[in-house]
Every structure is written in C-alpha cells, then in structure tokens.
Amino acid sequence: AKKAGKDLKGIGAGAASMAKSVGIAAVAYVGARGLISAIQGSIDAFAKQELAQKKLETALGRTSNALLDQARALQQVSMFGDEDIIMMQSMLASFVKGEDQIKKLTVATLDLSAGMGIDLKGAGDLIAKTIGSTTNAMSRYGIEVTGAVGSSERLETLTGNIARLFGGQAKAQAETMMGSMEQMKNAIGDTAEAFGK
C-alpha cells in the first residue's frame, strides 16, 4: 500500500508537470497563431492597396499622384478606405482619362453611395455606365443626364445632379459615431498596410 501510494504521488506530480507544460505550449501556440494572423492581415492589407494602385495605373496608362492624393484626402473626411476609393477611380478611369474629370466623378460617387446607402463599387458602376455609354443608368434614381458620351456636358449634368440630390452625404456620414469608427478602422488599416509593406 505504501509503495502504491508513493507511485501514485509520483504519477500525480508527473501529471501536474505535464499539464503545466501543455498549458505553456497552448499559450505559446495561441500567441504564435495570433502573431502569424496579424502579420498575414498586414500583408493582405498592403496587397489590396498595391492592387488598387496597379489597377488605376493600368486603366490610366500611368501613375497619377493627384488621384492617389485625392483618395487619401477623401478617406480623412468619409467612411471609405483609400484602397476602395482608388479601386473605384480605376473603374472610372476605364471610361474617362482626365484627372480632373475622375476627381469630380469620385466625389459624386462617394456622395451617391452614402446618400443612397449602396456600396461604393455599386455606385461606381452606375456612374461609369452613365458617363461611358449612351445608357443613363441613373435615370431610375431620378438623376437626369444630357450630352454625348464622354462630353463635358454629360459630366457636368451628372455630377451637378448628384450634388443637388446627395451633395455632402459622404462627409456628413463621417461625422457620425459610426463614421468615426470607420475612420478609426481605416487609420488602423493604413498602419497595417505600412507594416505589411
């Protein structure tokens, strides 16, 4: 009985030691997985930013620092991340090549998205189809557009009518609690992009 008791104490001590080792290993594993996940997230954020910039460069046939600067500035006063704005600008650049025209259409797209409660890509699609084809995809939303495809008249009536209906919506949304939270996420995303790079 004494020998069995002694053996059981030894087994108990060994089991406690093993449990402690397993606990340390589990914490190390979870910590390592968290670190790997954070690094992967940063790399993914940088890759998304780089892809958006490459799409814009390809659509324009050159790099446009003015449009990249506009995207960064609009991120500061809206709920949209600059990578999403750049991606949308690349879509617009498929139909319009002038930087000033793309800048006007970008602001209109952000306001349309915010005012109608649709995602930025969907708003960009509507505007690109309207500016780049004879179809007025905006007419079902009560936005009239006149002028030939690609003309300055078409651009002015499109952006003017969107501004009349939804002007300032993107900025107003950013001034809400939800907007502040989104801007914080965007700032954290920019930090992750820099780390990923």
C-alpha atoms as a PDB file:
ATOM      1  CA  ALA A   1       0.000   0.000   0.000  1.00  0.00           C
ATOM      2  CA  LYS A   2       2.859   2.340   0.898  1.00  0.00           C
ATOM      3  CA  LYS A   3       4.591   1.565  -2.393  1.00  0.00           C
ATOM      4  CA  ALA A   4       1.368   2.076  -4.375  1.00  0.00           C
ATOM      5  CA  GLY A   5       0.765   5.382  -2.564  1.00  0.00           C
ATOM      6  CA  LYS A   6       4.292   6.527  -3.378  1.00  0.00           C
ATOM      7  CA  ASP A   7       3.851   5.533  -7.047  1.00  0.00           C
ATOM      8  CA  LEU A   8       0.531   7.406  -7.232  1.00  0.00           C
ATOM      9  CA  LYS A   9       2.147  10.546  -5.774  1.00  0.00           C
ATOM     10  CA  GLY A  10       4.837  10.303  -8.445  1.00  0.00           C
ATOM     11  CA  ILE A  11       2.222   9.880 -11.168  1.00  0.00           C
ATOM     12  CA  GLY A  12       0.243  12.834  -9.786  1.00  0.00           C
ATOM     13  CA  ALA A  13       3.335  15.063  -9.748  1.00  0.00           C
ATOM     14  CA  GLY A  14       4.192  13.959 -13.286  1.00  0.00           C
ATOM     15  CA  ALA A  15       0.643  14.673 -14.464  1.00  0.00           C
ATOM     16  CA  ALA A  16       0.719  18.155 -12.876  1.00  0.00           C
ATOM     17  CA  SER A  17       4.069  18.871 -14.513  1.00  0.00           C
ATOM     18  CA  MET A  18       2.754  17.630 -17.855  1.00  0.00           C
ATOM     19  CA  ALA A  19      -0.417  19.769 -17.518  1.00  0.00           C
ATOM     20  CA  LYS A  20       1.735  22.821 -16.829  1.00  0.00           C
ATOM     21  CA  SER A  21       3.871  22.081 -19.915  1.00  0.00           C
ATOM     22  CA  VAL A  22       0.765  21.571 -22.056  1.00  0.00           C
ATOM     23  CA  GLY A  23      -0.648  24.883 -20.768  1.00  0.00           C
ATOM     24  CA  ILE A  24       2.563  26.745 -21.638  1.00  0.00           C
ATOM     25  CA  ALA A  25       2.639  25.125 -25.077  1.00  0.00           C
ATOM     26  CA  ALA A  26      -1.020  26.053 -25.671  1.00  0.00           C
ATOM     27  CA  VAL A  27      -0.406  29.687 -24.732  1.00  0.00           C
ATOM     28  CA  ALA A  28       2.686  29.776 -26.958  1.00  0.00           C
ATOM     29  CA  TYR A  29       0.710  28.227 -29.829  1.00  0.00           C
ATOM     30  CA  VAL A  30      -2.171  30.701 -29.477  1.00  0.00           C
ATOM     31  CA  GLY A  31       0.298  33.592 -29.246  1.00  0.00           C
ATOM     32  CA  ALA A  32       2.203  32.415 -32.312  1.00  0.00           C
ATOM     33  CA  ARG A  33      -1.038  31.927 -34.270  1.00  0.00           C
ATOM     34  CA  GLY A  34      -2.128  35.447 -33.277  1.00  0.00           C
ATOM     35  CA  LEU A  35       1.191  36.901 -34.403  1.00  0.00           C
ATOM     36  CA  ILE A  36       1.087  34.980 -37.680  1.00  0.00           C
ATOM     37  CA  SER A  37      -2.509  36.084 -38.224  1.00  0.00           C
ATOM     38  CA  ALA A  38      -1.607  39.742 -37.564  1.00  0.00           C
ATOM     39  CA  ILE A  39       1.328  39.571 -39.972  1.00  0.00           C
ATOM     40  CA  GLN A  40      -0.834  37.887 -42.618  1.00  0.00           C
ATOM     41  CA  GLY A  41      -3.526  40.552 -42.163  1.00  0.00           C
ATOM     42  CA  SER A  42      -0.945  43.305 -42.638  1.00  0.00           C
ATOM     43  CA  ILE A  43       0.424  41.680 -45.771  1.00  0.00           C
ATOM     44  CA  ASP A  44      -3.117  41.253 -47.137  1.00  0.00           C
ATOM     45  CA  ALA A  45      -3.908  44.937 -46.433  1.00  0.00           C
ATOM     46  CA  PHE A  46      -0.765  46.057 -48.270  1.00  0.00           C
ATOM     47  CA  ALA A  47      -1.515  43.703 -51.169  1.00  0.00           C
ATOM     48  CA  LYS A  48      -5.041  45.134 -51.510  1.00  0.00           C
ATOM     49  CA  GLN A  49      -3.668  48.697 -51.560  1.00  0.00           C
ATOM     50  CA  GLU A  50      -0.992  47.775 -54.097  1.00  0.00           C
ATOM     51  CA  LEU A  51      -3.528  46.016 -56.331  1.00  0.00           C
ATOM     52  CA  ALA A  52      -5.846  49.029 -56.293  1.00  0.00           C
ATOM     53  CA  GLN A  53      -2.986  51.347 -57.255  1.00  0.00           C
ATOM     54  CA  LYS A  54      -1.860  48.994 -60.039  1.00  0.00           C
ATOM     55  CA  LYS A  55      -5.417  48.838 -61.439  1.00  0.00           C
ATOM     56  CA  LEU A  56      -5.597  52.637 -61.509  1.00  0.00           C
ATOM     57  CA  GLU A  57      -2.169  52.871 -63.140  1.00  0.00           C
ATOM     58  CA  THR A  58      -3.170  50.319 -65.779  1.00  0.00           C
ATOM     59  CA  ALA A  59      -6.516  51.995 -66.530  1.00  0.00           C
ATOM     60  CA  LEU A  60      -4.854  55.423 -66.914  1.00  0.00           C
ATOM     61  CA  GLY A  61      -1.711  54.159 -68.592  1.00  0.00           C
ATOM     62  CA  ARG A  62       0.393  55.983 -65.968  1.00  0.00           C
ATOM     63  CA  THR A  63       0.641  56.651 -62.254  1.00  0.00           C
ATOM     64  CA  SER A  64      -1.460  59.567 -61.022  1.00  0.00           C
ATOM     65  CA  ASN A  65      -0.231  61.017 -57.753  1.00  0.00           C
ATOM     66  CA  ALA A  66      -3.056  63.566 -57.905  1.00  0.00           C
ATOM     67  CA  LEU A  67      -5.706  60.807 -57.800  1.00  0.00           C
ATOM     68  CA  LEU A  68      -3.849  58.880 -55.083  1.00  0.00           C
ATOM     69  CA  ASP A  69      -3.634  62.082 -53.041  1.00  0.00           C
ATOM     70  CA  GLN A  70      -7.354  62.689 -53.565  1.00  0.00           C
ATOM     71  CA  ALA A  71      -8.151  59.161 -52.348  1.00  0.00           C
ATOM     72  CA  ARG A  72      -6.074  59.687 -49.191  1.00  0.00           C
ATOM     73  CA  ALA A  73      -7.728  63.068 -48.565  1.00  0.00           C
ATOM     74  CA  LEU A  74     -11.243  61.683 -49.105  1.00  0.00           C
ATOM     75  CA  GLN A  75     -10.527  58.859 -46.665  1.00  0.00           C
ATOM     76  CA  GLN A  76      -9.941  61.526 -43.998  1.00  0.00           C
ATOM     77  CA  VAL A  77     -13.416  63.047 -44.451  1.00  0.00           C
ATOM     78  CA  SER A  78     -15.527  59.996 -45.360  1.00  0.00           C
ATOM     79  CA  MET A  79     -16.168  56.435 -44.220  1.00  0.00           C
ATOM     80  CA  PHE A  80     -14.443  54.958 -47.277  1.00  0.00           C
ATOM     81  CA  GLY A  81     -10.930  53.499 -47.239  1.00  0.00           C
ATOM     82  CA  ASP A  82      -8.462  54.916 -49.731  1.00  0.00           C
ATOM     83  CA  GLU A  83      -7.914  51.482 -51.301  1.00  0.00           C
ATOM     84  CA  ASP A  84     -11.647  51.250 -52.085  1.00  0.00           C
ATOM     85  CA  ILE A  85     -11.652  54.797 -53.463  1.00  0.00           C
ATOM     86  CA  ILE A  86      -8.626  54.030 -55.663  1.00  0.00           C
ATOM     87  CA  MET A  87     -10.298  50.844 -56.911  1.00  0.00           C
ATOM     88  CA  MET A  88     -13.380  52.863 -57.828  1.00  0.00           C
ATOM     89  CA  GLN A  89     -11.216  55.519 -59.522  1.00  0.00           C
ATOM     90  CA  SER A  90      -9.667  52.790 -61.673  1.00  0.00           C
ATOM     91  CA  MET A  91     -13.143  51.761 -62.801  1.00  0.00           C
ATOM     92  CA  LEU A  92     -13.931  55.370 -63.739  1.00  0.00           C
ATOM     93  CA  ALA A  93     -10.568  55.694 -65.494  1.00  0.00           C
ATOM     94  CA  SER A  94     -11.668  52.959 -67.894  1.00  0.00           C
ATOM     95  CA  PHE A  95     -14.196  55.455 -69.306  1.00  0.00           C
ATOM     96  CA  VAL A  96     -12.645  58.863 -68.562  1.00  0.00           C
ATOM     97  CA  LYS A  97      -8.928  59.683 -68.812  1.00  0.00           C
ATOM     98  CA  GLY A  98      -8.753  63.247 -67.455  1.00  0.00           C
ATOM     99  CA  GLU A  99      -7.662  63.502 -63.817  1.00  0.00           C
ATOM    100  CA  ASP A 100      -9.957  66.461 -63.125  1.00  0.00           C
ATOM    101  CA  GLN A 101     -12.926  64.582 -64.564  1.00  0.00           C
ATOM    102  CA  ILE A 102     -12.122  61.496 -62.482  1.00  0.00           C
ATOM    103  CA  LYS A 103     -11.792  63.671 -59.366  1.00  0.00           C
ATOM    104  CA  LYS A 104     -15.276  65.167 -59.912  1.00  0.00           C
ATOM    105  CA  LEU A 105     -16.762  61.751 -60.597  1.00  0.00           C
ATOM    106  CA  THR A 106     -15.045  60.329 -57.492  1.00  0.00           C
ATOM    107  CA  VAL A 107     -16.634  62.897 -55.183  1.00  0.00           C
ATOM    108  CA  ALA A 108     -20.014  62.335 -56.858  1.00  0.00           C
ATOM    109  CA  THR A 109     -19.664  58.565 -56.442  1.00  0.00           C
ATOM    110  CA  LEU A 110     -18.899  58.836 -52.721  1.00  0.00           C
ATOM    111  CA  ASP A 111     -21.918  61.107 -52.184  1.00  0.00           C
ATOM    112  CA  LEU A 112     -24.146  58.824 -54.261  1.00  0.00           C
ATOM    113  CA  SER A 113     -23.021  55.770 -52.307  1.00  0.00           C
ATOM    114  CA  ALA A 114     -23.589  57.488 -48.955  1.00  0.00           C
ATOM    115  CA  GLY A 115     -26.862  59.136 -49.979  1.00  0.00           C
ATOM    116  CA  MET A 116     -28.428  56.020 -51.460  1.00  0.00           C
ATOM    117  CA  GLY A 117     -26.963  53.554 -48.981  1.00  0.00           C
ATOM    118  CA  ILE A 118     -25.303  51.420 -51.652  1.00  0.00           C
ATOM    119  CA  ASP A 119     -21.743  50.146 -51.649  1.00  0.00           C
ATOM    120  CA  LEU A 120     -19.020  52.168 -53.327  1.00  0.00           C
ATOM    121  CA  LYS A 121     -18.475  49.634 -56.111  1.00  0.00           C
ATOM    122  CA  GLY A 122     -22.178  49.646 -56.997  1.00  0.00           C
ATOM    123  CA  ALA A 123     -22.272  53.451 -57.061  1.00  0.00           C
ATOM    124  CA  GLY A 124     -19.122  53.483 -59.194  1.00  0.00           C
ATOM    125  CA  ASP A 125     -20.712  51.015 -61.635  1.00  0.00           C
ATOM    126  CA  LEU A 126     -23.772  53.245 -62.033  1.00  0.00           C
ATOM    127  CA  ILE A 127     -21.702  56.349 -62.661  1.00  0.00           C
ATOM    128  CA  ALA A 128     -19.259  54.588 -65.013  1.00  0.00           C
ATOM    129  CA  LYS A 129     -22.113  53.146 -67.093  1.00  0.00           C
ATOM    130  CA  THR A 130     -23.784  56.543 -67.254  1.00  0.00           C
ATOM    131  CA  ILE A 131     -20.679  58.510 -68.198  1.00  0.00           C
ATOM    132  CA  GLY A 132     -19.228  55.889 -70.548  1.00  0.00           C
ATOM    133  CA  SER A 133     -22.270  54.728 -72.500  1.00  0.00           C
ATOM    134  CA  THR A 134     -25.469  56.027 -74.048  1.00  0.00           C
ATOM    135  CA  THR A 135     -27.427  54.349 -71.266  1.00  0.00           C
ATOM    136  CA  ASN A 136     -28.372  56.576 -68.362  1.00  0.00           C
ATOM    137  CA  ALA A 137     -28.181  54.058 -65.529  1.00  0.00           C
ATOM    138  CA  MET A 138     -29.059  56.904 -63.142  1.00  0.00           C
ATOM    139  CA  SER A 139     -32.470  57.723 -64.651  1.00  0.00           C
ATOM    140  CA  ARG A 140     -34.272  55.165 -62.472  1.00  0.00           C
ATOM    141  CA  TYR A 141     -32.985  57.132 -59.468  1.00  0.00           C
ATOM    142  CA  GLY A 142     -34.304  60.420 -60.813  1.00  0.00           C
ATOM    143  CA  ILE A 143     -30.937  61.739 -61.994  1.00  0.00           C
ATOM    144  CA  GLU A 144     -31.081  63.166 -65.492  1.00  0.00           C
ATOM    145  CA  VAL A 145     -28.006  63.315 -67.698  1.00  0.00           C
ATOM    146  CA  THR A 146     -27.666  65.127 -71.010  1.00  0.00           C
ATOM    147  CA  GLY A 147     -24.881  65.358 -73.558  1.00  0.00           C
ATOM    148  CA  ALA A 148     -22.930  62.934 -75.690  1.00  0.00           C
ATOM    149  CA  VAL A 149     -20.961  60.066 -74.192  1.00  0.00           C
ATOM    150  CA  GLY A 150     -17.689  61.376 -72.765  1.00  0.00           C
ATOM    151  CA  SER A 151     -18.646  65.034 -73.240  1.00  0.00           C
ATOM    152  CA  SER A 152     -18.081  67.706 -70.618  1.00  0.00           C
ATOM    153  CA  GLU A 153     -21.839  68.442 -70.721  1.00  0.00           C
ATOM    154  CA  ARG A 154     -22.583  64.834 -69.720  1.00  0.00           C
ATOM    155  CA  LEU A 155     -20.034  65.015 -66.908  1.00  0.00           C
ATOM    156  CA  GLU A 156     -21.353  68.343 -65.627  1.00  0.00           C
ATOM    157  CA  THR A 157     -25.020  67.329 -65.667  1.00  0.00           C
ATOM    158  CA  LEU A 158     -24.223  64.009 -63.982  1.00  0.00           C
ATOM    159  CA  THR A 159     -22.055  65.454 -61.197  1.00  0.00           C
ATOM    160  CA  GLY A 160     -24.285  68.528 -60.804  1.00  0.00           C
ATOM    161  CA  ASN A 161     -27.477  66.500 -60.406  1.00  0.00           C
ATOM    162  CA  ILE A 162     -25.838  64.088 -57.957  1.00  0.00           C
ATOM    163  CA  ALA A 163     -24.532  67.056 -55.949  1.00  0.00           C
ATOM    164  CA  ARG A 164     -28.013  68.604 -55.959  1.00  0.00           C
ATOM    165  CA  LEU A 165     -29.571  65.424 -54.548  1.00  0.00           C
ATOM    166  CA  PHE A 166     -26.775  63.920 -52.441  1.00  0.00           C
ATOM    167  CA  GLY A 167     -24.034  66.568 -52.149  1.00  0.00           C
ATOM    168  CA  GLY A 168     -22.132  66.368 -48.869  1.00  0.00           C
ATOM    169  CA  GLN A 169     -23.586  62.994 -47.818  1.00  0.00           C
ATOM    170  CA  ALA A 170     -20.221  61.222 -47.637  1.00  0.00           C
ATOM    171  CA  LYS A 171     -18.758  63.915 -45.386  1.00  0.00           C
ATOM    172  CA  ALA A 172     -21.896  64.084 -43.215  1.00  0.00           C
ATOM    173  CA  GLN A 173     -21.784  60.305 -42.630  1.00  0.00           C
ATOM    174  CA  ALA A 174     -18.181  60.570 -41.438  1.00  0.00           C
ATOM    175  CA  GLU A 175     -19.312  62.984 -38.712  1.00  0.00           C
ATOM    176  CA  THR A 176     -21.449  60.317 -37.015  1.00  0.00           C
ATOM    177  CA  MET A 177     -20.358  57.800 -34.373  1.00  0.00           C
ATOM    178  CA  MET A 178     -20.386  55.049 -36.979  1.00  0.00           C
ATOM    179  CA  GLY A 179     -18.370  57.284 -39.297  1.00  0.00           C
ATOM    180  CA  SER A 180     -15.778  57.916 -36.587  1.00  0.00           C
ATOM    181  CA  MET A 181     -15.459  54.186 -36.002  1.00  0.00           C
ATOM    182  CA  GLU A 182     -14.988  53.545 -39.724  1.00  0.00           C
ATOM    183  CA  GLN A 183     -12.354  56.268 -39.933  1.00  0.00           C
ATOM    184  CA  MET A 184     -10.547  54.656 -36.994  1.00  0.00           C
ATOM    185  CA  LYS A 185     -10.644  51.297 -38.821  1.00  0.00           C
ATOM    186  CA  ASN A 186      -9.268  52.995 -41.931  1.00  0.00           C
ATOM    187  CA  ALA A 187      -6.414  54.517 -39.915  1.00  0.00           C
ATOM    188  CA  ILE A 188      -5.631  51.119 -38.383  1.00  0.00           C
ATOM    189  CA  GLY A 189      -5.794  49.642 -41.895  1.00  0.00           C
ATOM    190  CA  ASP A 190      -3.245  52.202 -43.128  1.00  0.00           C
ATOM    191  CA  THR A 191      -0.942  51.246 -40.277  1.00  0.00           C
ATOM    192  CA  ALA A 192      -1.363  47.564 -41.182  1.00  0.00           C
ATOM    193  CA  GLU A 193      -0.580  48.374 -44.840  1.00  0.00           C
ATOM    194  CA  ALA A 194       2.637  50.133 -43.822  1.00  0.00           C
ATOM    195  CA  PHE A 195       3.607  47.184 -41.606  1.00  0.00           C
ATOM    196  CA  GLY A 196       2.728  44.723 -44.397  1.00  0.00           C
ATOM    197  CA  LYS A 197       4.910  46.621 -46.830  1.00  0.00           C
END
